[in-house]
N, C-alpha and C. Protein backbone atom coordinates (compact mmCIF):
# COMPACT_ATOMS: atom_id res chain seq x y z
N MET A 1 68.35 100.23 121.46
CA MET A 1 67.51 100.22 122.64
C MET A 1 66.06 99.90 122.28
N VAL A 2 65.52 100.52 121.22
CA VAL A 2 64.12 100.33 120.86
C VAL A 2 63.86 98.88 120.48
N ARG A 3 64.71 98.33 119.63
CA ARG A 3 64.51 96.95 119.17
C ARG A 3 64.50 95.98 120.36
N GLU A 4 65.48 96.12 121.25
CA GLU A 4 65.57 95.22 122.40
C GLU A 4 64.37 95.39 123.32
N PHE A 5 63.99 96.63 123.58
CA PHE A 5 62.87 96.89 124.47
C PHE A 5 61.58 96.28 123.93
N VAL A 6 61.29 96.55 122.66
CA VAL A 6 60.06 96.03 122.07
C VAL A 6 60.10 94.51 121.99
N SER A 7 61.22 93.95 121.55
CA SER A 7 61.32 92.50 121.37
C SER A 7 61.31 91.74 122.70
N GLU A 8 62.01 92.25 123.69
CA GLU A 8 62.20 91.48 124.92
C GLU A 8 61.17 91.77 126.00
N LEU A 9 60.63 92.98 126.06
CA LEU A 9 59.71 93.31 127.14
C LEU A 9 58.26 93.44 126.70
N VAL A 10 58.03 94.13 125.60
CA VAL A 10 56.65 94.40 125.19
C VAL A 10 56.04 93.19 124.47
N ILE A 11 56.77 92.60 123.56
CA ILE A 11 56.21 91.53 122.74
C ILE A 11 55.74 90.34 123.57
N PRO A 12 56.51 89.87 124.54
CA PRO A 12 55.98 88.75 125.33
C PRO A 12 54.66 89.08 126.02
N ARG A 13 54.52 90.29 126.52
CA ARG A 13 53.28 90.69 127.18
C ARG A 13 52.13 90.76 126.17
N VAL A 14 52.40 91.35 125.02
CA VAL A 14 51.37 91.44 123.99
C VAL A 14 50.97 90.03 123.54
N ARG A 15 51.95 89.21 123.32
CA ARG A 15 51.67 87.83 122.89
C ARG A 15 50.79 87.13 123.92
N ASP A 16 51.15 87.24 125.18
CA ASP A 16 50.39 86.57 126.23
C ASP A 16 48.98 87.14 126.38
N ASP A 17 48.84 88.45 126.25
CA ASP A 17 47.54 89.09 126.47
C ASP A 17 46.59 89.01 125.28
N TYR A 18 47.11 88.99 124.05
CA TYR A 18 46.24 89.16 122.90
C TYR A 18 46.20 88.00 121.92
N TYR A 19 47.20 87.15 121.92
CA TYR A 19 47.19 86.06 120.93
C TYR A 19 46.07 85.06 121.17
N GLY A 20 45.52 85.00 122.34
CA GLY A 20 44.43 84.08 122.61
C GLY A 20 43.17 84.42 121.85
N SER A 21 43.11 85.60 121.27
CA SER A 21 41.90 86.04 120.57
C SER A 21 41.88 85.61 119.11
N GLY A 22 42.77 84.72 118.71
CA GLY A 22 42.74 84.17 117.36
C GLY A 22 43.80 84.71 116.42
N GLU A 23 44.45 85.81 116.78
CA GLU A 23 45.47 86.37 115.93
C GLU A 23 46.76 85.58 116.09
N SER A 24 47.50 85.42 115.01
CA SER A 24 48.74 84.65 115.06
C SER A 24 49.97 85.51 114.81
N GLN A 25 49.77 86.74 114.39
CA GLN A 25 50.91 87.59 114.08
C GLN A 25 50.51 89.07 114.09
N PHE A 26 51.52 89.91 114.22
CA PHE A 26 51.30 91.35 114.15
C PHE A 26 52.62 92.02 113.82
N ALA A 27 52.54 93.29 113.47
CA ALA A 27 53.73 94.06 113.12
C ALA A 27 53.71 95.39 113.86
N VAL A 28 54.92 95.92 114.09
CA VAL A 28 55.10 97.18 114.80
C VAL A 28 56.02 98.07 113.97
N CYS A 29 55.72 99.36 113.97
CA CYS A 29 56.61 100.36 113.36
C CYS A 29 56.76 101.49 114.37
N VAL A 30 58.01 101.81 114.73
CA VAL A 30 58.30 102.89 115.70
C VAL A 30 59.08 103.97 114.95
N VAL A 31 58.61 105.21 115.11
CA VAL A 31 59.16 106.33 114.34
C VAL A 31 59.31 107.54 115.25
N LEU A 32 60.33 108.33 115.01
CA LEU A 32 60.46 109.62 115.69
C LEU A 32 59.49 110.61 115.05
N GLU A 33 58.79 111.37 115.87
CA GLU A 33 57.88 112.39 115.38
C GLU A 33 58.71 113.65 115.13
N ALA A 34 59.39 113.66 113.98
CA ALA A 34 60.31 114.74 113.66
C ALA A 34 60.01 115.26 112.26
N PRO A 35 59.27 116.37 112.16
CA PRO A 35 58.88 116.89 110.85
C PRO A 35 60.06 117.23 109.95
N ASP A 36 61.22 117.52 110.55
CA ASP A 36 62.38 117.88 109.74
C ASP A 36 63.06 116.64 109.13
N LEU A 37 62.65 115.44 109.55
CA LEU A 37 63.21 114.21 108.99
C LEU A 37 62.25 113.59 107.99
N GLU A 38 62.79 113.05 106.92
CA GLU A 38 61.98 112.23 106.03
C GLU A 38 61.56 110.99 106.81
N PHE A 39 60.44 110.39 106.42
CA PHE A 39 59.93 109.23 107.15
C PHE A 39 60.98 108.14 107.28
N GLU A 40 61.65 107.80 106.20
CA GLU A 40 62.64 106.72 106.21
C GLU A 40 63.77 107.00 107.21
N GLU A 41 64.13 108.26 107.38
CA GLU A 41 65.17 108.64 108.34
C GLU A 41 64.68 108.56 109.79
N ALA A 42 63.38 108.71 109.97
CA ALA A 42 62.79 108.75 111.31
C ALA A 42 62.45 107.36 111.86
N VAL A 43 62.45 106.34 111.00
CA VAL A 43 62.07 104.99 111.44
C VAL A 43 63.13 104.42 112.38
N LEU A 44 62.68 103.99 113.56
CA LEU A 44 63.56 103.35 114.53
C LEU A 44 63.44 101.83 114.49
N LEU A 45 62.24 101.34 114.14
CA LEU A 45 62.02 99.90 114.15
C LEU A 45 60.84 99.55 113.25
N GLU A 46 61.02 98.54 112.42
CA GLU A 46 59.93 97.90 111.69
C GLU A 46 60.13 96.40 111.91
N LYS A 47 59.16 95.77 112.57
CA LYS A 47 59.36 94.36 112.90
C LYS A 47 58.01 93.65 112.95
N ALA A 48 57.99 92.46 112.38
CA ALA A 48 56.80 91.60 112.44
C ALA A 48 57.07 90.45 113.41
N PHE A 49 56.03 90.03 114.10
CA PHE A 49 56.13 88.94 115.07
C PHE A 49 55.03 87.94 114.77
N CYS A 50 55.33 86.66 114.96
CA CYS A 50 54.29 85.65 114.77
C CYS A 50 54.52 84.48 115.71
N LEU A 51 53.46 83.74 115.92
CA LEU A 51 53.54 82.55 116.75
C LEU A 51 54.38 81.49 116.04
N PRO A 52 55.03 80.63 116.80
CA PRO A 52 55.79 79.54 116.17
C PRO A 52 54.87 78.71 115.26
N GLY A 53 55.41 78.33 114.12
CA GLY A 53 54.65 77.53 113.17
C GLY A 53 53.88 78.34 112.14
N PHE A 54 53.93 79.67 112.24
CA PHE A 54 53.25 80.53 111.30
C PHE A 54 54.28 81.29 110.47
N GLU A 55 53.93 81.59 109.24
CA GLU A 55 54.76 82.43 108.38
C GLU A 55 54.30 83.88 108.56
N VAL A 56 55.24 84.80 108.55
CA VAL A 56 54.88 86.21 108.64
C VAL A 56 54.22 86.65 107.34
N ASP A 57 53.05 87.22 107.44
CA ASP A 57 52.35 87.77 106.28
C ASP A 57 52.78 89.23 106.15
N PRO A 58 53.40 89.61 105.03
CA PRO A 58 53.93 90.98 104.89
C PRO A 58 52.87 92.07 104.96
N LYS A 59 51.59 91.74 104.78
CA LYS A 59 50.56 92.79 104.81
C LYS A 59 50.51 93.49 106.17
N TYR A 60 50.85 92.78 107.24
CA TYR A 60 50.80 93.41 108.56
C TYR A 60 51.88 94.48 108.69
N GLN A 61 53.07 94.21 108.17
CA GLN A 61 54.12 95.23 108.22
C GLN A 61 53.79 96.39 107.30
N VAL A 62 53.24 96.09 106.14
CA VAL A 62 52.83 97.15 105.21
C VAL A 62 51.81 98.07 105.89
N ASN A 63 50.83 97.48 106.57
CA ASN A 63 49.80 98.30 107.24
C ASN A 63 50.37 99.09 108.41
N ALA A 64 51.21 98.46 109.23
CA ALA A 64 51.80 99.18 110.36
C ALA A 64 52.65 100.35 109.87
N THR A 65 53.43 100.12 108.83
CA THR A 65 54.27 101.18 108.28
C THR A 65 53.42 102.28 107.67
N ALA A 66 52.34 101.92 106.99
CA ALA A 66 51.45 102.94 106.40
C ALA A 66 50.80 103.79 107.49
N LYS A 67 50.39 103.16 108.59
CA LYS A 67 49.80 103.91 109.70
C LYS A 67 50.83 104.89 110.29
N ALA A 68 52.06 104.42 110.47
CA ALA A 68 53.12 105.27 111.02
C ALA A 68 53.47 106.39 110.05
N ARG A 69 53.53 106.08 108.76
CA ARG A 69 53.88 107.08 107.75
C ARG A 69 52.85 108.22 107.72
N SER A 70 51.57 107.89 107.73
CA SER A 70 50.55 108.94 107.69
C SER A 70 50.55 109.74 108.99
N HIS A 71 50.79 109.09 110.11
CA HIS A 71 50.88 109.79 111.39
C HIS A 71 52.07 110.75 111.38
N HIS A 72 53.20 110.29 110.88
CA HIS A 72 54.40 111.14 110.79
C HIS A 72 54.16 112.32 109.86
N ARG A 73 53.50 112.08 108.75
CA ARG A 73 53.27 113.13 107.74
C ARG A 73 52.30 114.20 108.25
N THR A 74 51.24 113.79 108.96
CA THR A 74 50.18 114.73 109.32
C THR A 74 50.19 115.17 110.78
N GLY A 75 50.85 114.39 111.64
CA GLY A 75 50.80 114.68 113.07
C GLY A 75 49.53 114.17 113.73
N HIS A 76 48.72 113.40 113.00
CA HIS A 76 47.48 112.84 113.54
C HIS A 76 47.54 111.32 113.48
N SER A 77 46.94 110.69 114.48
CA SER A 77 46.92 109.23 114.48
C SER A 77 46.13 108.72 113.28
N SER A 78 46.38 107.48 112.93
CA SER A 78 45.69 106.91 111.77
C SER A 78 44.18 106.87 111.99
N GLY A 79 43.74 106.64 113.22
CA GLY A 79 42.32 106.65 113.52
C GLY A 79 41.69 108.03 113.37
N GLU A 80 42.41 109.06 113.82
CA GLU A 80 41.93 110.44 113.66
C GLU A 80 41.79 110.80 112.18
N LEU A 81 42.78 110.39 111.40
CA LEU A 81 42.73 110.71 109.97
C LEU A 81 41.48 110.13 109.32
N VAL A 82 41.22 108.88 109.60
CA VAL A 82 40.09 108.21 108.97
C VAL A 82 38.77 108.79 109.44
N SER A 83 38.63 109.01 110.74
CA SER A 83 37.33 109.43 111.27
C SER A 83 37.12 110.94 111.28
N LEU A 84 38.18 111.74 111.46
CA LEU A 84 38.00 113.17 111.63
C LEU A 84 38.61 114.04 110.53
N LYS A 85 39.60 113.52 109.82
CA LYS A 85 40.31 114.33 108.83
C LYS A 85 40.55 113.54 107.55
N PRO A 86 39.50 112.98 106.97
CA PRO A 86 39.69 112.13 105.79
C PRO A 86 40.27 112.87 104.58
N ALA A 87 40.15 114.19 104.55
CA ALA A 87 40.71 114.95 103.44
C ALA A 87 42.24 114.88 103.42
N LEU A 88 42.85 114.54 104.55
CA LEU A 88 44.31 114.44 104.61
C LEU A 88 44.84 113.07 104.15
N LEU A 89 43.93 112.12 103.93
CA LEU A 89 44.37 110.80 103.49
C LEU A 89 44.92 110.85 102.08
N ARG A 90 45.95 110.05 101.86
CA ARG A 90 46.57 109.94 100.53
C ARG A 90 46.53 108.49 100.08
N SER A 91 46.78 108.30 98.83
CA SER A 91 46.88 106.95 98.29
C SER A 91 47.97 106.20 99.04
N GLY A 92 47.68 104.99 99.48
CA GLY A 92 48.65 104.20 100.22
C GLY A 92 48.51 104.29 101.72
N ASP A 93 47.71 105.25 102.22
CA ASP A 93 47.47 105.34 103.66
C ASP A 93 46.56 104.19 104.09
N CYS A 94 46.75 103.73 105.30
CA CYS A 94 45.93 102.67 105.86
C CYS A 94 44.62 103.29 106.36
N ILE A 95 43.51 102.61 106.14
CA ILE A 95 42.21 103.16 106.54
C ILE A 95 41.73 102.62 107.88
N TRP A 96 42.63 102.06 108.68
CA TRP A 96 42.28 101.58 110.01
C TRP A 96 43.12 102.30 111.05
N GLY A 97 42.54 102.45 112.23
CA GLY A 97 43.29 103.02 113.34
C GLY A 97 44.36 102.05 113.79
N GLY A 98 45.31 102.58 114.55
CA GLY A 98 46.35 101.70 115.07
C GLY A 98 47.66 102.40 115.33
N SER A 99 47.63 103.73 115.45
CA SER A 99 48.87 104.44 115.78
C SER A 99 48.63 105.34 116.98
N ALA A 100 49.72 105.64 117.67
CA ALA A 100 49.67 106.53 118.83
C ALA A 100 51.02 107.22 118.94
N SER A 101 51.03 108.40 119.55
CA SER A 101 52.31 109.08 119.77
C SER A 101 52.35 109.64 121.19
N VAL A 102 53.53 109.55 121.77
CA VAL A 102 53.77 110.08 123.11
C VAL A 102 55.15 110.71 123.10
N ASP A 103 55.22 111.98 123.46
CA ASP A 103 56.50 112.69 123.60
C ASP A 103 57.42 112.50 122.40
N GLY A 104 56.87 112.61 121.21
CA GLY A 104 57.69 112.54 120.00
C GLY A 104 58.00 111.15 119.50
N ILE A 105 57.36 110.13 120.06
CA ILE A 105 57.56 108.75 119.60
C ILE A 105 56.24 108.25 119.03
N ILE A 106 56.24 107.91 117.76
CA ILE A 106 55.07 107.36 117.09
C ILE A 106 55.22 105.84 117.05
N VAL A 107 54.17 105.14 117.41
CA VAL A 107 54.14 103.69 117.31
C VAL A 107 52.88 103.29 116.57
N ALA A 108 53.02 102.41 115.59
CA ALA A 108 51.88 101.88 114.85
C ALA A 108 51.93 100.36 114.93
N VAL A 109 50.75 99.77 115.08
CA VAL A 109 50.62 98.32 115.21
C VAL A 109 49.56 97.85 114.22
N SER A 110 49.78 96.68 113.64
CA SER A 110 48.79 96.07 112.76
C SER A 110 48.78 94.57 112.99
N GLY A 111 47.59 93.99 113.03
CA GLY A 111 47.47 92.54 113.16
C GLY A 111 46.35 92.12 114.08
N PHE A 112 45.82 93.06 114.87
CA PHE A 112 44.72 92.77 115.77
C PHE A 112 43.50 93.56 115.29
N LYS A 113 42.44 93.53 116.04
CA LYS A 113 41.32 94.43 115.75
C LYS A 113 41.85 95.85 115.91
N HIS A 114 41.30 96.80 115.14
CA HIS A 114 41.86 98.16 115.15
C HIS A 114 41.90 98.77 116.54
N TYR A 115 40.91 98.48 117.38
CA TYR A 115 40.91 99.06 118.73
C TYR A 115 42.02 98.46 119.59
N TRP A 116 42.40 97.20 119.35
CA TRP A 116 43.54 96.63 120.06
C TRP A 116 44.84 97.16 119.48
N ASP A 117 44.88 97.37 118.17
CA ASP A 117 46.08 97.97 117.56
C ASP A 117 46.38 99.32 118.22
N VAL A 118 45.35 100.14 118.40
CA VAL A 118 45.52 101.46 119.01
C VAL A 118 46.00 101.32 120.46
N GLN A 119 45.38 100.42 121.20
CA GLN A 119 45.74 100.23 122.61
C GLN A 119 47.17 99.74 122.75
N ILE A 120 47.57 98.78 121.93
CA ILE A 120 48.92 98.24 122.01
C ILE A 120 49.94 99.29 121.56
N ALA A 121 49.62 100.04 120.51
CA ALA A 121 50.52 101.11 120.06
C ALA A 121 50.72 102.13 121.17
N GLY A 122 49.64 102.52 121.84
CA GLY A 122 49.75 103.46 122.94
C GLY A 122 50.57 102.91 124.09
N GLN A 123 50.37 101.65 124.40
CA GLN A 123 51.13 101.00 125.48
C GLN A 123 52.62 101.04 125.17
N ILE A 124 52.99 100.67 123.95
CA ILE A 124 54.40 100.67 123.56
C ILE A 124 54.95 102.09 123.58
N ALA A 125 54.19 103.05 123.05
CA ALA A 125 54.65 104.44 122.99
C ALA A 125 54.88 105.00 124.40
N TYR A 126 53.94 104.75 125.31
CA TYR A 126 54.11 105.25 126.68
C TYR A 126 55.30 104.59 127.37
N GLU A 127 55.48 103.30 127.15
CA GLU A 127 56.61 102.63 127.78
C GLU A 127 57.94 103.13 127.21
N LEU A 128 58.00 103.35 125.90
CA LEU A 128 59.23 103.89 125.32
C LEU A 128 59.50 105.30 125.84
N ALA A 129 58.47 106.15 125.88
CA ALA A 129 58.64 107.51 126.38
C ALA A 129 59.11 107.50 127.83
N GLY A 130 58.57 106.60 128.64
CA GLY A 130 59.00 106.49 130.03
C GLY A 130 60.46 106.09 130.15
N ARG A 131 60.89 105.18 129.30
CA ARG A 131 62.30 104.76 129.33
C ARG A 131 63.23 105.89 128.88
N VAL A 132 62.80 106.66 127.89
CA VAL A 132 63.60 107.81 127.45
C VAL A 132 63.71 108.83 128.58
N MET A 133 62.60 109.12 129.25
CA MET A 133 62.62 110.07 130.36
C MET A 133 63.50 109.56 131.50
N HIS A 134 63.40 108.28 131.80
CA HIS A 134 64.23 107.69 132.85
C HIS A 134 65.72 107.84 132.51
N ALA A 135 66.08 107.53 131.28
CA ALA A 135 67.48 107.66 130.87
C ALA A 135 67.94 109.11 130.94
N HIS A 136 67.06 110.03 130.54
CA HIS A 136 67.38 111.46 130.60
C HIS A 136 67.63 111.90 132.04
N LEU A 137 66.75 111.50 132.94
CA LEU A 137 66.91 111.89 134.34
C LEU A 137 68.15 111.26 134.97
N GLN A 138 68.47 110.05 134.59
CA GLN A 138 69.70 109.44 135.08
C GLN A 138 70.91 110.24 134.60
N GLY A 139 70.86 110.71 133.35
CA GLY A 139 71.94 111.54 132.82
C GLY A 139 72.09 112.83 133.60
N ILE A 140 70.97 113.46 133.95
CA ILE A 140 71.01 114.70 134.74
C ILE A 140 71.61 114.42 136.12
N GLU A 141 71.19 113.34 136.75
CA GLU A 141 71.74 112.99 138.06
C GLU A 141 73.24 112.74 137.98
N GLN A 142 73.68 112.11 136.91
CA GLN A 142 75.11 111.85 136.74
C GLN A 142 75.87 113.16 136.55
N MET A 143 75.30 114.10 135.78
CA MET A 143 75.94 115.40 135.60
C MET A 143 76.04 116.14 136.93
N ARG A 144 74.98 116.08 137.73
CA ARG A 144 75.01 116.73 139.04
C ARG A 144 76.09 116.12 139.93
N ALA A 145 76.16 114.80 139.92
CA ALA A 145 77.17 114.11 140.74
C ALA A 145 78.58 114.51 140.28
N ASN A 146 78.79 114.60 138.97
CA ASN A 146 80.10 115.01 138.45
C ASN A 146 80.41 116.44 138.86
N ARG A 147 79.42 117.32 138.80
CA ARG A 147 79.63 118.72 139.16
C ARG A 147 80.00 118.83 140.63
N VAL A 148 79.31 118.08 141.49
CA VAL A 148 79.60 118.10 142.93
C VAL A 148 81.02 117.58 143.17
N ALA A 149 81.40 116.52 142.48
CA ALA A 149 82.73 115.94 142.64
C ALA A 149 83.81 116.94 142.21
N ILE A 150 83.55 117.67 141.14
CA ILE A 150 84.53 118.65 140.64
C ILE A 150 84.64 119.82 141.61
N LEU A 151 83.52 120.26 142.15
CA LEU A 151 83.51 121.42 143.04
C LEU A 151 84.00 121.09 144.45
N SER A 152 84.04 119.83 144.78
CA SER A 152 84.45 119.42 146.16
C SER A 152 85.94 119.47 146.32
């Protein structure tokens, strides 16, 4: 679900809204905010995107993953770590903002200016959280319908 949602719905919008500013590629990392899981177990998606005719530069995925990893480890966005909690930074952490979390879903983006990375990460996180809530509520409605059918 995450891969399809990000690839088919979010990426075209991001591409249309932000690629005009000179950037040709970016990367996304989506992770569950689950302290009981190791980072590698919590990763839902790591994907780089680029305009046709460009090669994907691996540094964008490295940075997006580093932002998500530090956010997962500390519970703080990459921007918060750099500006407010630098003592929590470790070797290999990204020193730019670009992660956001909503309802247990961490999203990190790399490839734009750091303030756009944060905005896009938040947009993706909110949209994913909304889809999870929608699916949950549909499940509850289905359970209610089944219960009514059984009791009738």
